[in-house]
Amino acid sequence: MPFISSSSSSQSSTRPRKQGLSFADKQRMAKQKAIAKKAPKYSVGLSDLTVFTQQLASMLDAGLPLVNSLEALEEQVENPYFRVIIKNVRADISGGSSFSDAAMKYPRAFNTLFISMVRAGEASGSLSEILLKVASYFEASLKLQKRVKSAMTYPIAVIGLSVVLVNVLLIFVVPVFAEMFDDFGAELPAPTQILIGISDWLKANVIFLLVGLGIAFWGIKKFFSTPRGRVFRDQLYHRMPIVGPLRQKIAVSRFCRTFSILTRSGVPILKNLEITGAASDNTYIEAATKAIAKHVSQGGQISEIVADSPYFPPMVKHMAKAGERTGNVDGMLNKVSDFYDEEIDATVSGLTSLIEPILIVFLGVFVGSIVIAMFMPIFQLSEVAGGP
């Protein structure tokens, strides 16, 4: 048997540690590669983009170069996907690309409004000032979204809880009462029979029902992403008694604010209208912006098309006309947006205070009806037992 020295044995045992990678390192590298691969396809939320724009504008305003600012933000951003995108943008800029061209490669992170404003800032040499305006616009949009979402969180939570509660009663509680009622040997009241029938059907078909609802939700979402589905969706929302006016105010406010900030940043009006329509996510606004762009290219005024569109309230028409007379259309439309933001806030607050008691009453009546239907045979039996 050959002699193996302790030194050679020690070297052979330590060689994998020097040349190889530990399991944790391999996992970390695999995770980084997966993040880098998914990053270009990852959608960056408006909140992340807002913080990024605010910080970038502040750094540029303080005199820090663009590449150094992006490098600093790359280290500060918590979103790993967004961090990879910022790194790639910084690398493209270091290679000679402009900021707008580099950001354009990632439309799921930087929207059309952001890219257009950056391009306008690069052309005018005031990128930091324009980014401050963009950050202010994103902040106002984010604030509006949060107000609407916070108002809808409570009713959605209550409705979801009530659906779960009712299904638990029908699938697990009612069958127990049904077995007990079989021992009575008497005919059950009609409400109880209906309730037991619903419980039996739901218990036997709950899986198919969940799968069907999932497929229906996916199909509706897919249809609403098509051009025809988007038109149908907006028409449906517009006809709803409460949701329609609220959604209209949000769309009009977004239109006015987007048009105003693009005009103040020096974006040409035709490009301005194209971006405003795309950022609205509303087919009514998109159709209106196309009509306005066509009319303006022929020498017309914005207020003339706005007056003919039934989707715009009269206030927008009058403010746009007054702005055209004074040469301050962007300022007037910005005031319209502020007005409708206050209207939306008041409407949302009123809906929140109104929906709460309605949901409580509805839930009480619905659950109470189930409880009464379950206990009716017991009441009936006690009356028979207590009779002469």
Foldseek 3Di string as FASTA:
>chain_A
DDDDDPVVVVCVVCVCVVPHDDPVVVVVVVVLVVLLVCLLVDADDLVLVLVLLVQQLVCVVVPHDNLVSLVVVLVVRPPSSVSSLSVQLSVVVVVPDASLVSCVSRCSYAPPLRSLLCVLCVVVVNNSVLSVLVSVLSVLVVVLVVLLVVLVPVVVVLVVVLVVVVLCCLAPVLVVLVVVVVVVPDDADPLLVVSVVVSVVCNVCVVVVVVVVVVVVVVLVVQCVDPVNVQVVLVVQCPDDQSNVLLLLSLLLQLLQQLLSCVVSPNDNLVSLCSSLVVSSHVLSVVLSVVQSVQVVVPHASLVSLVVRPSHDVQLSVLCVVCVVVVRNSVSSNVSSVVSSVVSSVSSVVCSVVVVVVSVVVSCVVVVSSVCSSCVVVVVVVVVVPDD
